[in-house]
């Protein structure tokens, strides 16, 4: 796996490069100090994952993420930032980030998140997961008109309720269906959207539903 490191702070960037070079099966494809540099390196170096800071000069991480996911959809973006406020999280996820870590993450957590991103899966730091679920619980979703990724209308409803923090029994009561039916919908939906757990499913619901 090849990783591009993007951070405007030189000491942080160099530290991340050194850290990643010690990870088995992962190599550094390059490093950039802002979003514009990142875009140029993505085009020339074709990394598998971009480890992206958010607040940078010239072009911030959210805009760089949006352009990378639009122009190079095969490249995953994993955010690594100091900030875990609602605005930063929402901007990153809406731009297409595959995951969101804060800079207190350890080596093992970063390595696991990079591998998950490269495999098409999502990873969120625990405080980010809490904020994401809270935000989803406050949001009133609109009607399901054109479900993405081959999902059925019922699977979309189940994913939205997962995003609001409901457990299987609560989902069953809300939709007036059996709990075993809820489990079937969850298994089918998770397979279609490529997630492994409820946190990843909540992130998918936030971005797409």
N, C-alpha and C. Protein backbone atom coordinates (compact mmCIF):
# COMPACT_ATOMS: atom_id res chain seq x y z
N UNK A 1 0.84 -1.18 0.00
CA UNK A 1 0.00 0.00 0.00
C UNK A 1 0.89 1.25 0.00
N UNK A 2 0.51 2.23 -0.83
CA UNK A 2 1.28 3.47 -0.92
C UNK A 2 0.44 4.61 -0.35
N UNK A 3 1.06 5.42 0.52
CA UNK A 3 0.34 6.46 1.24
C UNK A 3 0.99 7.82 0.98
N UNK A 4 0.16 8.80 0.70
CA UNK A 4 0.61 10.18 0.56
C UNK A 4 0.26 10.92 1.84
N UNK A 5 1.23 11.58 2.45
CA UNK A 5 1.03 12.31 3.71
C UNK A 5 0.87 13.80 3.40
N UNK A 6 -0.21 14.39 3.92
CA UNK A 6 -0.50 15.81 3.67
C UNK A 6 -0.70 16.52 5.00
N UNK A 7 0.20 17.46 5.32
CA UNK A 7 0.09 18.24 6.56
C UNK A 7 0.95 19.49 6.40
N UNK A 8 0.42 20.63 6.82
CA UNK A 8 1.17 21.87 6.62
C UNK A 8 2.28 22.06 7.64
N UNK A 9 2.25 21.34 8.76
CA UNK A 9 3.30 21.45 9.76
C UNK A 9 4.43 20.48 9.44
N UNK A 10 5.59 21.03 9.18
CA UNK A 10 6.70 20.20 8.71
C UNK A 10 7.07 19.12 9.71
N UNK A 11 7.11 19.46 11.00
CA UNK A 11 7.52 18.47 12.00
C UNK A 11 6.50 17.33 12.09
N UNK A 12 5.22 17.67 11.95
CA UNK A 12 4.17 16.63 11.96
C UNK A 12 4.27 15.77 10.70
N UNK A 13 4.48 16.43 9.56
CA UNK A 13 4.57 15.70 8.29
C UNK A 13 5.76 14.73 8.31
N UNK A 14 6.89 15.22 8.75
CA UNK A 14 8.08 14.37 8.79
C UNK A 14 7.91 13.24 9.79
N UNK A 15 7.23 13.53 10.91
CA UNK A 15 6.99 12.48 11.90
C UNK A 15 6.07 11.39 11.37
N UNK A 16 5.04 11.79 10.62
CA UNK A 16 4.12 10.81 10.04
C UNK A 16 4.82 9.97 8.97
N UNK A 17 5.65 10.61 8.17
CA UNK A 17 6.41 9.87 7.16
C UNK A 17 7.29 8.82 7.82
N UNK A 18 8.00 9.22 8.87
CA UNK A 18 8.88 8.28 9.58
C UNK A 18 8.06 7.15 10.21
N UNK A 19 6.90 7.49 10.75
CA UNK A 19 6.04 6.49 11.38
C UNK A 19 5.54 5.47 10.36
N UNK A 20 5.07 5.96 9.23
CA UNK A 20 4.50 5.08 8.20
C UNK A 20 5.57 4.18 7.60
N UNK A 21 6.78 4.70 7.48
CA UNK A 21 7.86 3.89 6.91
C UNK A 21 8.21 2.68 7.78
N UNK A 22 7.79 2.70 9.04
CA UNK A 22 8.03 1.57 9.94
C UNK A 22 6.91 0.54 9.90
N UNK A 23 5.83 0.83 9.18
CA UNK A 23 4.67 -0.07 9.13
C UNK A 23 4.87 -1.14 8.06
N UNK A 24 4.61 -2.37 8.41
CA UNK A 24 4.76 -3.49 7.47
C UNK A 24 3.79 -3.35 6.30
N UNK A 25 4.31 -3.50 5.10
CA UNK A 25 3.47 -3.50 3.91
C UNK A 25 2.96 -2.14 3.48
N UNK A 26 3.45 -1.08 4.11
CA UNK A 26 3.01 0.27 3.76
C UNK A 26 4.23 1.12 3.45
N UNK A 27 4.17 1.86 2.35
CA UNK A 27 5.27 2.74 2.00
C UNK A 27 4.75 4.14 1.71
N UNK A 28 5.62 5.12 1.85
CA UNK A 28 5.25 6.52 1.63
C UNK A 28 5.43 6.87 0.16
N UNK A 29 4.33 7.34 -0.45
CA UNK A 29 4.38 7.74 -1.86
C UNK A 29 4.85 9.17 -2.04
N UNK A 30 4.88 9.94 -0.96
CA UNK A 30 5.28 11.33 -1.02
C UNK A 30 4.63 12.09 0.12
N UNK A 31 4.96 13.39 0.22
CA UNK A 31 4.34 14.22 1.24
C UNK A 31 4.10 15.61 0.67
N UNK A 32 3.06 16.28 1.19
CA UNK A 32 2.66 17.58 0.68
C UNK A 32 2.29 18.49 1.85
N UNK A 33 2.49 19.80 1.65
CA UNK A 33 2.25 20.78 2.71
C UNK A 33 0.91 21.48 2.59
N UNK A 34 0.19 21.24 1.49
CA UNK A 34 -1.13 21.85 1.34
C UNK A 34 -1.93 21.06 0.31
N UNK A 35 -3.19 21.43 0.16
CA UNK A 35 -4.07 20.69 -0.73
C UNK A 35 -3.67 20.71 -2.18
N UNK A 36 -3.16 21.84 -2.65
CA UNK A 36 -2.75 21.93 -4.06
C UNK A 36 -1.59 20.99 -4.35
N UNK A 37 -0.61 20.98 -3.47
CA UNK A 37 0.51 20.04 -3.65
C UNK A 37 0.00 18.60 -3.63
N UNK A 38 -0.95 18.34 -2.76
CA UNK A 38 -1.51 16.99 -2.66
C UNK A 38 -2.15 16.56 -3.97
N UNK A 39 -2.92 17.46 -4.59
CA UNK A 39 -3.57 17.13 -5.86
C UNK A 39 -2.56 16.78 -6.93
N UNK A 40 -1.48 17.55 -6.99
CA UNK A 40 -0.45 17.27 -8.01
C UNK A 40 0.21 15.92 -7.76
N UNK A 41 0.49 15.61 -6.49
CA UNK A 41 1.15 14.34 -6.19
C UNK A 41 0.23 13.15 -6.37
N UNK A 42 -1.05 13.33 -6.08
CA UNK A 42 -2.00 12.23 -6.34
C UNK A 42 -2.00 11.88 -7.82
N UNK A 43 -1.97 12.91 -8.67
CA UNK A 43 -2.01 12.69 -10.11
C UNK A 43 -0.75 11.99 -10.62
N UNK A 44 0.39 12.29 -10.01
CA UNK A 44 1.65 11.72 -10.52
C UNK A 44 2.06 10.44 -9.80
N UNK A 45 1.78 10.35 -8.50
CA UNK A 45 2.26 9.21 -7.71
C UNK A 45 1.23 8.11 -7.54
N UNK A 46 -0.05 8.41 -7.75
CA UNK A 46 -1.14 7.42 -7.65
C UNK A 46 -1.08 6.62 -6.35
N UNK A 47 -1.17 7.29 -5.19
CA UNK A 47 -1.18 6.55 -3.93
C UNK A 47 -2.48 5.78 -3.76
N UNK A 48 -2.47 4.82 -2.87
CA UNK A 48 -3.70 4.10 -2.53
C UNK A 48 -4.53 4.88 -1.52
N UNK A 49 -3.83 5.55 -0.60
CA UNK A 49 -4.51 6.32 0.45
C UNK A 49 -3.79 7.65 0.63
N UNK A 50 -4.58 8.69 0.87
CA UNK A 50 -4.04 10.00 1.24
C UNK A 50 -4.37 10.23 2.71
N UNK A 51 -3.35 10.46 3.53
CA UNK A 51 -3.54 10.80 4.93
C UNK A 51 -3.58 12.32 5.02
N UNK A 52 -4.77 12.88 5.24
CA UNK A 52 -5.04 14.29 4.98
C UNK A 52 -5.31 15.10 6.25
N UNK A 53 -4.53 16.17 6.42
CA UNK A 53 -4.85 17.17 7.43
C UNK A 53 -5.99 18.04 6.90
N UNK A 54 -6.67 18.77 7.76
CA UNK A 54 -7.80 19.58 7.30
C UNK A 54 -7.45 21.06 7.14
N UNK A 55 -6.93 21.68 8.17
CA UNK A 55 -6.71 23.12 8.13
C UNK A 55 -5.30 23.43 7.65
N UNK A 56 -5.22 23.86 6.39
CA UNK A 56 -3.95 24.14 5.75
C UNK A 56 -4.09 25.38 4.88
N UNK A 57 -2.98 26.07 4.59
CA UNK A 57 -3.04 27.21 3.68
C UNK A 57 -3.19 26.76 2.23
N UNK A 58 -3.41 27.71 1.36
CA UNK A 58 -3.53 27.53 -0.09
C UNK A 58 -4.82 26.78 -0.45
N UNK A 59 -4.93 25.53 -0.03
CA UNK A 59 -6.17 24.76 -0.21
C UNK A 59 -6.33 23.85 1.01
N UNK A 60 -7.48 23.95 1.67
CA UNK A 60 -7.66 23.16 2.88
C UNK A 60 -7.94 21.69 2.55
N UNK A 61 -7.92 20.87 3.59
CA UNK A 61 -8.06 19.44 3.39
C UNK A 61 -9.41 18.99 2.88
N UNK A 62 -10.48 19.69 3.30
CA UNK A 62 -11.81 19.31 2.83
C UNK A 62 -11.95 19.51 1.33
N UNK A 63 -11.47 20.65 0.83
CA UNK A 63 -11.56 20.90 -0.61
C UNK A 63 -10.65 19.95 -1.38
N UNK A 64 -9.46 19.70 -0.85
CA UNK A 64 -8.56 18.74 -1.52
C UNK A 64 -9.19 17.35 -1.55
N UNK A 65 -9.84 16.97 -0.46
CA UNK A 65 -10.52 15.66 -0.41
C UNK A 65 -11.62 15.59 -1.46
N UNK A 66 -12.41 16.65 -1.56
CA UNK A 66 -13.49 16.68 -2.54
C UNK A 66 -12.96 16.48 -3.95
N UNK A 67 -11.86 17.16 -4.29
CA UNK A 67 -11.31 17.06 -5.64
C UNK A 67 -10.66 15.70 -5.89
N UNK A 68 -10.01 15.17 -4.88
CA UNK A 68 -9.38 13.85 -5.05
C UNK A 68 -10.43 12.78 -5.26
N UNK A 69 -11.47 12.78 -4.44
CA UNK A 69 -12.50 11.75 -4.57
C UNK A 69 -13.30 11.91 -5.85
N UNK A 70 -13.37 13.14 -6.37
CA UNK A 70 -14.07 13.37 -7.64
C UNK A 70 -13.21 12.93 -8.83
N UNK A 71 -11.94 13.32 -8.82
CA UNK A 71 -11.08 13.08 -9.98
C UNK A 71 -10.33 11.74 -9.92
N UNK A 72 -10.16 11.21 -8.71
CA UNK A 72 -9.43 9.96 -8.53
C UNK A 72 -10.20 9.08 -7.56
N UNK A 73 -11.35 8.59 -7.94
CA UNK A 73 -12.21 7.84 -7.00
C UNK A 73 -11.56 6.56 -6.48
N UNK A 74 -10.51 6.11 -7.13
CA UNK A 74 -9.83 4.89 -6.66
C UNK A 74 -8.92 5.19 -5.46
N UNK A 75 -8.67 6.45 -5.19
CA UNK A 75 -7.80 6.85 -4.08
C UNK A 75 -8.65 7.16 -2.85
N UNK A 76 -8.36 6.51 -1.74
CA UNK A 76 -9.09 6.76 -0.49
C UNK A 76 -8.43 7.90 0.28
N UNK A 77 -9.25 8.69 0.96
CA UNK A 77 -8.73 9.77 1.79
C UNK A 77 -9.09 9.47 3.25
N UNK A 78 -8.07 9.47 4.09
CA UNK A 78 -8.24 9.30 5.53
C UNK A 78 -7.80 10.58 6.21
N UNK A 79 -8.72 11.23 6.91
CA UNK A 79 -8.40 12.49 7.58
C UNK A 79 -7.69 12.21 8.90
N UNK A 80 -6.62 12.97 9.15
CA UNK A 80 -5.92 12.94 10.44
C UNK A 80 -5.72 14.39 10.85
N UNK A 81 -6.45 14.83 11.86
CA UNK A 81 -6.46 16.24 12.21
C UNK A 81 -6.55 16.44 13.71
N UNK A 82 -6.29 17.65 14.14
CA UNK A 82 -6.41 18.00 15.56
C UNK A 82 -7.87 18.18 15.95
N UNK A 83 -8.73 18.50 14.98
CA UNK A 83 -10.08 18.98 15.28
C UNK A 83 -11.12 17.86 15.19
N UNK A 84 -12.04 17.85 16.18
CA UNK A 84 -13.15 16.89 16.12
C UNK A 84 -14.49 17.59 16.34
N UNK A 85 -14.58 18.86 15.91
CA UNK A 85 -15.84 19.59 16.01
C UNK A 85 -16.78 19.17 14.88
N UNK A 86 -18.07 19.43 15.07
CA UNK A 86 -19.08 19.00 14.11
C UNK A 86 -18.81 19.54 12.72
N UNK A 87 -18.41 20.80 12.63
CA UNK A 87 -18.20 21.42 11.31
C UNK A 87 -17.08 20.73 10.54
N UNK A 88 -15.98 20.45 11.22
CA UNK A 88 -14.85 19.80 10.56
C UNK A 88 -15.21 18.38 10.12
N UNK A 89 -15.87 17.63 11.01
CA UNK A 89 -16.25 16.26 10.68
C UNK A 89 -17.20 16.23 9.49
N UNK A 90 -18.22 17.09 9.54
CA UNK A 90 -19.20 17.12 8.45
C UNK A 90 -18.56 17.49 7.13
N UNK A 91 -17.69 18.51 7.14
CA UNK A 91 -17.03 18.94 5.91
C UNK A 91 -16.21 17.81 5.30
N UNK A 92 -15.48 17.08 6.15
CA UNK A 92 -14.64 15.99 5.65
C UNK A 92 -15.47 14.86 5.08
N UNK A 93 -16.52 14.47 5.78
CA UNK A 93 -17.33 13.34 5.33
C UNK A 93 -18.11 13.68 4.06
N UNK A 94 -18.64 14.90 4.00
CA UNK A 94 -19.36 15.30 2.79
C UNK A 94 -18.42 15.42 1.60
N UNK A 95 -17.15 15.70 1.86
CA UNK A 95 -16.16 15.77 0.78
C UNK A 95 -15.78 14.39 0.27
N UNK A 96 -16.09 13.35 1.06
CA UNK A 96 -15.80 11.99 0.61
C UNK A 96 -14.73 11.26 1.38
N UNK A 97 -14.32 11.79 2.54
CA UNK A 97 -13.29 11.12 3.32
C UNK A 97 -13.76 9.73 3.74
N UNK A 98 -12.87 8.76 3.69
CA UNK A 98 -13.19 7.38 4.03
C UNK A 98 -13.17 7.15 5.53
N UNK A 99 -12.42 7.99 6.27
CA UNK A 99 -12.34 7.85 7.71
C UNK A 99 -11.85 9.14 8.33
N UNK A 100 -11.87 9.18 9.68
CA UNK A 100 -11.55 10.42 10.37
C UNK A 100 -10.90 10.08 11.71
N UNK A 101 -9.61 10.42 11.83
CA UNK A 101 -8.87 10.22 13.07
C UNK A 101 -8.39 11.56 13.60
N UNK A 102 -8.19 11.62 14.91
CA UNK A 102 -7.57 12.80 15.50
C UNK A 102 -6.10 12.50 15.79
N UNK A 103 -5.31 13.55 15.99
CA UNK A 103 -3.87 13.39 16.05
C UNK A 103 -3.36 12.79 17.36
N UNK A 104 -4.28 12.40 18.24
CA UNK A 104 -3.84 11.64 19.40
C UNK A 104 -3.88 10.14 19.12
N UNK A 105 -4.20 9.76 17.88
CA UNK A 105 -4.22 8.35 17.49
C UNK A 105 -2.81 7.77 17.55
N UNK A 106 -2.72 6.50 17.93
CA UNK A 106 -1.43 5.83 18.00
C UNK A 106 -1.06 5.15 16.69
N UNK A 107 0.15 4.61 16.67
CA UNK A 107 0.66 3.97 15.46
C UNK A 107 -0.25 2.83 14.98
N UNK A 108 -0.68 1.97 15.92
CA UNK A 108 -1.51 0.82 15.54
C UNK A 108 -2.84 1.28 14.98
N UNK A 109 -3.44 2.31 15.59
CA UNK A 109 -4.73 2.82 15.11
C UNK A 109 -4.60 3.42 13.72
N UNK A 110 -3.53 4.17 13.49
CA UNK A 110 -3.32 4.77 12.17
C UNK A 110 -3.09 3.68 11.12
N UNK A 111 -2.28 2.69 11.44
CA UNK A 111 -2.01 1.60 10.50
C UNK A 111 -3.29 0.85 10.15
N UNK A 112 -4.11 0.55 11.16
CA UNK A 112 -5.36 -0.16 10.91
C UNK A 112 -6.31 0.68 10.06
N UNK A 113 -6.36 1.98 10.33
CA UNK A 113 -7.24 2.86 9.57
C UNK A 113 -6.79 2.99 8.12
N UNK A 114 -5.49 3.04 7.89
CA UNK A 114 -4.97 3.10 6.53
C UNK A 114 -5.35 1.83 5.75
N UNK A 115 -5.20 0.70 6.39
CA UNK A 115 -5.54 -0.57 5.72
C UNK A 115 -7.05 -0.65 5.46
N UNK A 116 -7.85 -0.18 6.40
CA UNK A 116 -9.29 -0.18 6.20
C UNK A 116 -9.68 0.72 5.05
N UNK A 117 -9.08 1.90 4.99
CA UNK A 117 -9.39 2.85 3.91
C UNK A 117 -9.02 2.25 2.56
N UNK A 118 -7.86 1.62 2.47
CA UNK A 118 -7.44 1.01 1.21
C UNK A 118 -8.37 -0.12 0.80
N UNK A 119 -9.00 -0.78 1.78
CA UNK A 119 -9.93 -1.88 1.50
C UNK A 119 -11.35 -1.40 1.26
N UNK A 120 -11.54 -0.08 1.27
CA UNK A 120 -12.87 0.46 1.01
C UNK A 120 -13.75 0.55 2.23
N UNK A 121 -13.16 0.47 3.41
CA UNK A 121 -13.92 0.52 4.65
C UNK A 121 -13.64 1.81 5.40
N UNK A 122 -14.49 2.13 6.35
CA UNK A 122 -14.40 3.39 7.07
C UNK A 122 -13.92 3.17 8.50
N UNK A 123 -13.20 4.17 9.02
CA UNK A 123 -12.73 4.15 10.40
C UNK A 123 -12.92 5.54 11.00
N UNK A 124 -13.48 5.59 12.20
CA UNK A 124 -13.67 6.86 12.88
C UNK A 124 -13.13 6.77 14.30
N UNK A 125 -12.43 7.82 14.72
CA UNK A 125 -12.00 7.90 16.11
C UNK A 125 -13.23 7.88 17.01
N UNK A 126 -13.08 7.34 18.22
CA UNK A 126 -14.23 7.16 19.11
C UNK A 126 -14.99 8.47 19.38
N UNK A 127 -14.32 9.61 19.66
CA UNK A 127 -15.08 10.86 19.85
C UNK A 127 -15.83 11.29 18.59
N UNK A 128 -15.25 11.00 17.43
CA UNK A 128 -15.90 11.34 16.17
C UNK A 128 -17.15 10.49 15.98
N UNK A 129 -17.06 9.20 16.33
CA UNK A 129 -18.23 8.33 16.23
C UNK A 129 -19.38 8.85 17.08
N UNK A 130 -19.06 9.30 18.30
CA UNK A 130 -20.10 9.83 19.18
C UNK A 130 -20.76 11.05 18.57
N UNK A 131 -19.95 11.97 18.06
CA UNK A 131 -20.52 13.18 17.46
C UNK A 131 -21.34 12.85 16.22
N UNK A 132 -20.89 11.88 15.46
CA UNK A 132 -21.60 11.49 14.24
C UNK A 132 -22.96 10.93 14.58
N UNK A 133 -23.01 10.05 15.56
CA UNK A 133 -24.30 9.46 15.96
C UNK A 133 -25.22 10.53 16.53
N UNK A 134 -24.67 11.45 17.32
CA UNK A 134 -25.49 12.53 17.87
C UNK A 134 -26.06 13.40 16.77
N UNK A 135 -25.23 13.73 15.77
CA UNK A 135 -25.71 14.56 14.67
C UNK A 135 -26.79 13.86 13.87
N UNK A 136 -26.59 12.57 13.64
CA UNK A 136 -27.59 11.81 12.89
C UNK A 136 -28.90 11.69 13.65
N UNK A 137 -28.82 11.62 14.97
CA UNK A 137 -30.03 11.49 15.76
C UNK A 137 -30.87 12.76 15.72
N UNK A 138 -30.22 13.88 15.41
CA UNK A 138 -30.94 15.15 15.34
C UNK A 138 -31.51 15.42 13.95
N UNK A 139 -31.03 14.67 12.97
CA UNK A 139 -31.42 14.95 11.59
C UNK A 139 -32.70 14.22 11.23
N UNK A 140 -33.61 14.93 10.58
CA UNK A 140 -34.84 14.32 10.10
C UNK A 140 -34.65 13.96 8.62
N UNK A 141 -34.52 12.69 8.27
CA UNK A 141 -34.26 12.32 6.88
C UNK A 141 -35.49 12.50 6.00
N UNK A 142 -35.25 12.77 4.73
CA UNK A 142 -36.34 12.89 3.78
C UNK A 142 -36.77 11.53 3.27
N UNK A 143 -37.77 11.49 2.42
CA UNK A 143 -38.26 10.22 1.90
C UNK A 143 -37.21 9.53 1.01
N UNK A 144 -37.25 8.22 0.98
CA UNK A 144 -36.33 7.45 0.15
C UNK A 144 -36.87 7.44 -1.27
N UNK A 145 -36.09 7.96 -2.21
CA UNK A 145 -36.56 8.02 -3.59
C UNK A 145 -35.72 7.16 -4.53
N UNK A 146 -34.40 7.19 -4.37
CA UNK A 146 -33.52 6.45 -5.28
C UNK A 146 -32.36 5.87 -4.47
N UNK A 147 -32.56 4.75 -3.78
CA UNK A 147 -31.52 4.19 -2.90
C UNK A 147 -30.23 3.90 -3.66
N UNK A 148 -29.07 4.25 -3.08
CA UNK A 148 -27.79 3.97 -3.72
C UNK A 148 -27.32 2.55 -3.48
N UNK A 149 -26.32 2.12 -4.24
CA UNK A 149 -25.60 0.86 -4.02
C UNK A 149 -26.49 -0.38 -3.98
N UNK A 150 -27.60 -0.33 -4.70
CA UNK A 150 -28.47 -1.50 -4.75
C UNK A 150 -29.28 -1.75 -3.50
N UNK A 151 -29.30 -0.78 -2.59
CA UNK A 151 -30.07 -0.94 -1.36
C UNK A 151 -31.57 -0.90 -1.65
N UNK A 152 -32.33 -1.61 -0.85
CA UNK A 152 -33.78 -1.51 -0.93
C UNK A 152 -34.23 -0.35 -0.04
N UNK A 153 -35.47 0.06 -0.21
CA UNK A 153 -36.02 1.13 0.62
C UNK A 153 -35.97 0.75 2.09
N UNK A 154 -36.31 -0.50 2.40
CA UNK A 154 -36.29 -0.95 3.79
C UNK A 154 -34.88 -0.96 4.36
N UNK A 155 -33.89 -1.35 3.56
CA UNK A 155 -32.51 -1.34 4.03
C UNK A 155 -32.04 0.08 4.33
N UNK A 156 -32.47 1.03 3.50
CA UNK A 156 -32.16 2.44 3.76
C UNK A 156 -32.76 2.87 5.09
N UNK A 157 -34.01 2.50 5.33
CA UNK A 157 -34.65 2.86 6.59
C UNK A 157 -33.90 2.29 7.79
N UNK A 158 -33.46 1.05 7.66
CA UNK A 158 -32.71 0.41 8.74
C UNK A 158 -31.38 1.12 8.97
N UNK A 159 -30.66 1.44 7.90
CA UNK A 159 -29.39 2.14 8.03
C UNK A 159 -29.56 3.51 8.67
N UNK A 160 -30.61 4.21 8.29
CA UNK A 160 -30.86 5.51 8.90
C UNK A 160 -31.11 5.39 10.40
N UNK A 161 -31.81 4.37 10.79
CA UNK A 161 -32.08 4.18 12.22
C UNK A 161 -30.83 3.75 12.98
N UNK A 162 -29.98 2.97 12.33
CA UNK A 162 -28.68 2.65 12.92
C UNK A 162 -27.91 3.94 13.15
N UNK A 163 -27.96 4.82 12.15
CA UNK A 163 -27.28 6.11 12.26
C UNK A 163 -27.79 6.96 13.41
N UNK A 164 -29.04 6.75 13.79
CA UNK A 164 -29.61 7.50 14.91
C UNK A 164 -29.35 6.84 16.25
N UNK A 165 -28.61 5.72 16.23
CA UNK A 165 -28.20 5.07 17.46
C UNK A 165 -29.15 4.02 17.99
N UNK A 166 -30.15 3.60 17.19
CA UNK A 166 -31.10 2.61 17.65
C UNK A 166 -30.50 1.20 17.59
N UNK A 167 -30.85 0.35 18.55
CA UNK A 167 -30.44 -1.04 18.49
C UNK A 167 -31.46 -1.85 17.69
N UNK A 168 -31.19 -3.14 17.50
CA UNK A 168 -32.06 -3.95 16.64
C UNK A 168 -33.49 -4.02 17.15
N UNK A 169 -33.67 -4.15 18.46
CA UNK A 169 -35.02 -4.22 19.02
C UNK A 169 -35.78 -2.92 18.78
N UNK A 170 -35.08 -1.79 18.94
CA UNK A 170 -35.72 -0.49 18.74
C UNK A 170 -36.07 -0.28 17.27
N UNK A 171 -35.18 -0.75 16.37
CA UNK A 171 -35.47 -0.64 14.95
C UNK A 171 -36.70 -1.48 14.59
N UNK A 172 -36.75 -2.69 15.14
CA UNK A 172 -37.88 -3.57 14.88
C UNK A 172 -39.19 -2.92 15.34
N UNK A 173 -39.17 -2.30 16.52
CA UNK A 173 -40.37 -1.66 17.04
C UNK A 173 -40.76 -0.45 16.18
N UNK A 174 -39.75 0.32 15.73
CA UNK A 174 -40.02 1.51 14.93
C UNK A 174 -40.64 1.15 13.59
N UNK A 175 -40.12 0.09 12.97
CA UNK A 175 -40.58 -0.29 11.63
C UNK A 175 -41.71 -1.33 11.67
N UNK A 176 -42.03 -1.78 12.87
CA UNK A 176 -43.08 -2.79 13.08
C UNK A 176 -42.75 -4.06 12.27
N UNK A 177 -41.55 -4.57 12.48
CA UNK A 177 -41.12 -5.82 11.86
C UNK A 177 -40.41 -6.65 12.91
N UNK A 178 -40.17 -7.91 12.62
CA UNK A 178 -39.50 -8.79 13.57
C UNK A 178 -38.02 -8.44 13.69
N UNK A 179 -37.45 -8.70 14.85
CA UNK A 179 -36.04 -8.41 15.07
C UNK A 179 -35.16 -9.28 14.17
N UNK A 180 -35.58 -10.51 13.89
CA UNK A 180 -34.82 -11.35 12.97
C UNK A 180 -34.80 -10.75 11.56
N UNK A 181 -35.91 -10.11 11.19
CA UNK A 181 -35.97 -9.44 9.88
C UNK A 181 -35.01 -8.26 9.85
N UNK A 182 -34.92 -7.54 10.97
CA UNK A 182 -33.97 -6.42 11.07
C UNK A 182 -32.55 -6.93 10.85
N UNK A 183 -32.20 -8.05 11.49
CA UNK A 183 -30.86 -8.62 11.34
C UNK A 183 -30.58 -9.00 9.89
N UNK A 184 -31.58 -9.53 9.21
CA UNK A 184 -31.40 -9.88 7.80
C UNK A 184 -31.15 -8.64 6.96
N UNK A 185 -31.93 -7.58 7.20
CA UNK A 185 -31.74 -6.33 6.46
C UNK A 185 -30.34 -5.75 6.73
N UNK A 186 -29.91 -5.83 7.98
CA UNK A 186 -28.59 -5.30 8.32
C UNK A 186 -27.49 -6.08 7.60
N UNK A 187 -27.57 -7.39 7.64
CA UNK A 187 -26.55 -8.20 6.97
C UNK A 187 -26.50 -7.91 5.47
N UNK A 188 -27.67 -7.81 4.85
CA UNK A 188 -27.72 -7.53 3.42
C UNK A 188 -27.18 -6.14 3.10
N UNK A 189 -27.57 -5.15 3.92
CA UNK A 189 -27.13 -3.78 3.69
C UNK A 189 -25.63 -3.64 3.89
N UNK A 190 -25.10 -4.25 4.96
CA UNK A 190 -23.67 -4.16 5.22
C UNK A 190 -22.87 -4.75 4.05
N UNK A 191 -23.35 -5.86 3.50
CA UNK A 191 -22.66 -6.50 2.38
C UNK A 191 -22.67 -5.59 1.15
N UNK A 192 -23.78 -4.92 0.91
CA UNK A 192 -23.90 -4.07 -0.27
C UNK A 192 -23.02 -2.82 -0.18
N UNK A 193 -22.91 -2.23 1.02
CA UNK A 193 -22.18 -0.96 1.14
C UNK A 193 -20.75 -1.16 1.63
N UNK A 194 -20.39 -2.41 1.96
CA UNK A 194 -19.01 -2.72 2.31
C UNK A 194 -18.56 -2.21 3.67
N UNK A 195 -19.44 -2.30 4.67
CA UNK A 195 -19.05 -1.92 6.02
C UNK A 195 -19.08 -3.14 6.93
N UNK A 196 -18.38 -3.03 8.07
CA UNK A 196 -18.26 -4.19 8.96
C UNK A 196 -18.98 -4.01 10.29
N UNK A 197 -19.33 -2.78 10.64
CA UNK A 197 -19.93 -2.56 11.94
C UNK A 197 -20.88 -1.37 11.91
N UNK A 198 -21.54 -1.11 13.02
CA UNK A 198 -22.57 -0.09 13.07
C UNK A 198 -21.99 1.31 12.97
N UNK A 199 -20.77 1.51 13.45
CA UNK A 199 -20.14 2.83 13.34
C UNK A 199 -19.89 3.17 11.88
N UNK A 200 -19.37 2.21 11.11
CA UNK A 200 -19.14 2.43 9.69
C UNK A 200 -20.47 2.65 8.97
N UNK A 201 -21.49 1.91 9.39
CA UNK A 201 -22.81 2.07 8.77
C UNK A 201 -23.39 3.45 9.05
N UNK A 202 -23.16 3.95 10.28
CA UNK A 202 -23.64 5.30 10.61
C UNK A 202 -22.94 6.35 9.75
N UNK A 203 -21.64 6.15 9.52
CA UNK A 203 -20.92 7.08 8.64
C UNK A 203 -21.46 7.06 7.21
N UNK A 204 -21.75 5.85 6.72
CA UNK A 204 -22.33 5.73 5.38
C UNK A 204 -23.68 6.44 5.32
N UNK A 205 -24.52 6.24 6.34
CA UNK A 205 -25.83 6.88 6.37
C UNK A 205 -25.70 8.38 6.35
N UNK A 206 -24.73 8.91 7.09
CA UNK A 206 -24.52 10.36 7.13
C UNK A 206 -24.12 10.90 5.75
N UNK A 207 -23.26 10.17 5.06
CA UNK A 207 -22.77 10.65 3.77
C UNK A 207 -23.77 10.48 2.63
N UNK A 208 -24.55 9.40 2.67
CA UNK A 208 -25.32 9.03 1.48
C UNK A 208 -26.85 9.01 1.64
N UNK A 209 -27.33 9.01 2.88
CA UNK A 209 -28.76 8.80 3.07
C UNK A 209 -29.41 9.98 3.79
